[in-house]
Amino acid sequence: MAARVTPREVSSILVAADAVGMSRQDAWVHEAKELLEPGRIEGSTRFHRDEDAAMLRRIAERLARQ
C-alpha cells in the first residue's frame, strides 16, 4: 500500500525544478537516472516530495561548481 501524503508534501516535477532554478527537462534527466524517487497517485501521476527538491538543489549546486 502506498504511503499517504498530504498536499503540502506533494509537487510536480516542474514545481520541484523551479524551486531550485532547474529546468523541467534537466530534472527529468535526473529522474531517469533514478536520482529522484517520485511517488505515484491515482492515474499514475508522479509526485515529488521535499527530499526530491533537496536532491535537485544538491545536483544544481554541484553542477554550478564545475
N, C-alpha and C. Protein backbone atom coordinates (compact mmCIF):
# COMPACT_ATOMS: atom_id res chain seq x y z
N MET A 1 0.84 -1.17 0.00
CA MET A 1 0.00 0.00 0.00
C MET A 1 0.89 1.24 0.00
N ALA A 2 0.54 2.22 -0.85
CA ALA A 2 1.33 3.45 -0.95
C ALA A 2 1.16 4.29 0.30
N ALA A 3 2.21 4.98 0.65
CA ALA A 3 2.15 5.85 1.82
C ALA A 3 1.22 7.03 1.54
N ARG A 4 0.48 7.44 2.54
CA ARG A 4 -0.40 8.59 2.38
C ARG A 4 0.44 9.86 2.52
N VAL A 5 0.13 10.82 1.69
CA VAL A 5 0.84 12.10 1.74
C VAL A 5 -0.17 13.22 1.81
N THR A 6 0.27 14.33 2.33
CA THR A 6 -0.60 15.50 2.39
C THR A 6 -0.30 16.37 1.18
N PRO A 7 -1.24 17.22 0.74
CA PRO A 7 -1.00 18.07 -0.41
C PRO A 7 0.24 18.96 -0.25
N ARG A 8 0.57 19.33 0.96
CA ARG A 8 1.74 20.17 1.21
C ARG A 8 3.04 19.45 0.87
N GLU A 9 3.04 18.13 0.97
CA GLU A 9 4.25 17.35 0.70
C GLU A 9 4.43 17.06 -0.79
N VAL A 10 3.42 17.34 -1.59
CA VAL A 10 3.39 16.87 -2.97
C VAL A 10 3.58 18.03 -3.94
N SER A 11 4.41 17.80 -4.95
CA SER A 11 4.54 18.77 -6.02
C SER A 11 4.87 18.05 -7.32
N SER A 12 4.68 18.75 -8.41
CA SER A 12 5.04 18.19 -9.71
C SER A 12 6.54 18.37 -9.92
N ILE A 13 7.06 17.73 -10.95
CA ILE A 13 8.48 17.88 -11.27
C ILE A 13 8.78 19.34 -11.61
N LEU A 14 7.82 20.03 -12.24
CA LEU A 14 8.01 21.43 -12.59
C LEU A 14 8.18 22.29 -11.34
N VAL A 15 7.35 22.07 -10.34
CA VAL A 15 7.45 22.83 -9.09
C VAL A 15 8.76 22.53 -8.38
N ALA A 16 9.13 21.26 -8.32
CA ALA A 16 10.39 20.88 -7.67
C ALA A 16 11.58 21.49 -8.40
N ALA A 17 11.57 21.46 -9.73
CA ALA A 17 12.67 22.03 -10.51
C ALA A 17 12.72 23.54 -10.36
N ASP A 18 11.56 24.19 -10.46
CA ASP A 18 11.52 25.65 -10.30
C ASP A 18 12.03 26.09 -8.94
N ALA A 19 11.77 25.29 -7.93
CA ALA A 19 12.18 25.65 -6.56
C ALA A 19 13.69 25.77 -6.45
N VAL A 20 14.42 25.08 -7.32
CA VAL A 20 15.88 25.13 -7.25
C VAL A 20 16.50 25.78 -8.47
N GLY A 21 15.69 26.36 -9.35
CA GLY A 21 16.22 27.05 -10.52
C GLY A 21 16.71 26.13 -11.62
N MET A 22 16.11 24.96 -11.74
CA MET A 22 16.50 23.98 -12.75
C MET A 22 15.37 23.82 -13.76
N SER A 23 15.70 23.52 -14.99
CA SER A 23 14.66 23.31 -15.99
C SER A 23 13.96 21.97 -15.75
N ARG A 24 12.74 21.89 -16.21
CA ARG A 24 11.99 20.64 -16.06
C ARG A 24 12.70 19.51 -16.81
N GLN A 25 13.24 19.82 -17.98
CA GLN A 25 13.93 18.79 -18.77
C GLN A 25 15.15 18.25 -18.03
N ASP A 26 15.91 19.14 -17.39
CA ASP A 26 17.07 18.67 -16.62
C ASP A 26 16.62 17.82 -15.44
N ALA A 27 15.53 18.22 -14.80
CA ALA A 27 15.01 17.43 -13.68
C ALA A 27 14.57 16.05 -14.16
N TRP A 28 13.95 15.99 -15.34
CA TRP A 28 13.55 14.69 -15.88
C TRP A 28 14.76 13.80 -16.14
N VAL A 29 15.86 14.39 -16.60
CA VAL A 29 17.08 13.61 -16.83
C VAL A 29 17.55 12.98 -15.53
N HIS A 30 17.55 13.77 -14.45
CA HIS A 30 18.00 13.24 -13.16
C HIS A 30 17.02 12.20 -12.62
N GLU A 31 15.73 12.37 -12.92
CA GLU A 31 14.76 11.36 -12.53
C GLU A 31 15.00 10.07 -13.30
N ALA A 32 15.29 10.18 -14.59
CA ALA A 32 15.57 8.99 -15.42
C ALA A 32 16.81 8.25 -14.92
N LYS A 33 17.76 8.99 -14.36
CA LYS A 33 18.97 8.37 -13.79
C LYS A 33 18.70 7.78 -12.41
N GLU A 34 17.43 7.87 -11.98
CA GLU A 34 16.97 7.34 -10.70
C GLU A 34 17.61 8.05 -9.51
N LEU A 35 17.92 9.34 -9.68
CA LEU A 35 18.42 10.14 -8.57
C LEU A 35 17.26 10.70 -7.75
N LEU A 36 16.07 10.70 -8.33
CA LEU A 36 14.85 11.13 -7.65
C LEU A 36 13.95 9.92 -7.51
N GLU A 37 13.14 9.92 -6.49
CA GLU A 37 12.22 8.81 -6.26
C GLU A 37 10.79 9.32 -6.16
N PRO A 38 10.17 9.62 -7.32
CA PRO A 38 8.80 10.13 -7.26
C PRO A 38 7.83 9.07 -6.79
N GLY A 39 6.80 9.52 -6.11
CA GLY A 39 5.72 8.62 -5.74
C GLY A 39 4.67 8.63 -6.84
N ARG A 40 3.64 7.86 -6.67
CA ARG A 40 2.56 7.81 -7.65
C ARG A 40 1.23 8.01 -6.94
N ILE A 41 0.35 8.75 -7.58
CA ILE A 41 -1.01 8.88 -7.09
C ILE A 41 -1.94 8.40 -8.18
N GLU A 42 -3.24 8.39 -7.92
CA GLU A 42 -4.19 7.85 -8.89
C GLU A 42 -3.91 8.33 -10.29
N GLY A 43 -4.14 7.46 -11.25
CA GLY A 43 -3.92 7.81 -12.63
C GLY A 43 -2.46 7.82 -13.03
N SER A 44 -1.60 7.25 -12.21
CA SER A 44 -0.16 7.15 -12.47
C SER A 44 0.54 8.51 -12.49
N THR A 45 -0.07 9.53 -11.91
CA THR A 45 0.56 10.84 -11.82
C THR A 45 1.69 10.78 -10.81
N ARG A 46 2.87 11.23 -11.23
CA ARG A 46 4.02 11.24 -10.32
C ARG A 46 3.94 12.47 -9.42
N PHE A 47 4.45 12.31 -8.21
CA PHE A 47 4.59 13.46 -7.32
C PHE A 47 5.96 13.41 -6.69
N HIS A 48 6.42 14.56 -6.31
CA HIS A 48 7.75 14.68 -5.71
C HIS A 48 7.62 15.30 -4.33
N ARG A 49 8.44 14.83 -3.43
CA ARG A 49 8.45 15.33 -2.05
C ARG A 49 9.60 16.31 -1.86
N ASP A 50 9.66 16.88 -0.70
CA ASP A 50 10.72 17.83 -0.36
C ASP A 50 12.11 17.21 -0.55
N GLU A 51 12.22 15.91 -0.32
CA GLU A 51 13.52 15.23 -0.48
C GLU A 51 14.00 15.31 -1.92
N ASP A 52 13.07 15.23 -2.89
CA ASP A 52 13.45 15.32 -4.29
C ASP A 52 13.95 16.73 -4.62
N ALA A 53 13.28 17.74 -4.09
CA ALA A 53 13.72 19.12 -4.30
C ALA A 53 15.10 19.32 -3.68
N ALA A 54 15.32 18.73 -2.52
CA ALA A 54 16.64 18.84 -1.88
C ALA A 54 17.71 18.17 -2.73
N MET A 55 17.39 17.03 -3.32
CA MET A 55 18.34 16.34 -4.20
C MET A 55 18.63 17.19 -5.43
N LEU A 56 17.59 17.77 -6.03
CA LEU A 56 17.81 18.64 -7.19
C LEU A 56 18.67 19.84 -6.81
N ARG A 57 18.48 20.37 -5.61
CA ARG A 57 19.28 21.50 -5.15
C ARG A 57 20.75 21.09 -5.03
N ARG A 58 21.01 19.91 -4.47
CA ARG A 58 22.40 19.45 -4.34
C ARG A 58 23.03 19.24 -5.73
N ILE A 59 22.26 18.69 -6.66
CA ILE A 59 22.76 18.47 -8.02
C ILE A 59 23.09 19.81 -8.66
N ALA A 60 22.18 20.77 -8.55
CA ALA A 60 22.38 22.10 -9.15
C ALA A 60 23.62 22.76 -8.56
N GLU A 61 23.82 22.65 -7.25
CA GLU A 61 24.99 23.25 -6.60
C GLU A 61 26.28 22.62 -7.10
N ARG A 62 26.27 21.30 -7.24
CA ARG A 62 27.48 20.62 -7.71
C ARG A 62 27.79 20.98 -9.17
N LEU A 63 26.74 21.06 -9.99
CA LEU A 63 26.95 21.43 -11.39
C LEU A 63 27.47 22.87 -11.50
N ALA A 64 27.01 23.74 -10.63
CA ALA A 64 27.45 25.14 -10.65
C ALA A 64 28.92 25.27 -10.30
N ARG A 65 29.44 24.34 -9.48
CA ARG A 65 30.85 24.38 -9.07
C ARG A 65 31.79 23.88 -10.14
N GLN A 66 31.26 23.21 -11.14
CA GLN A 66 32.13 22.62 -12.17
C GLN A 66 32.63 23.65 -13.13
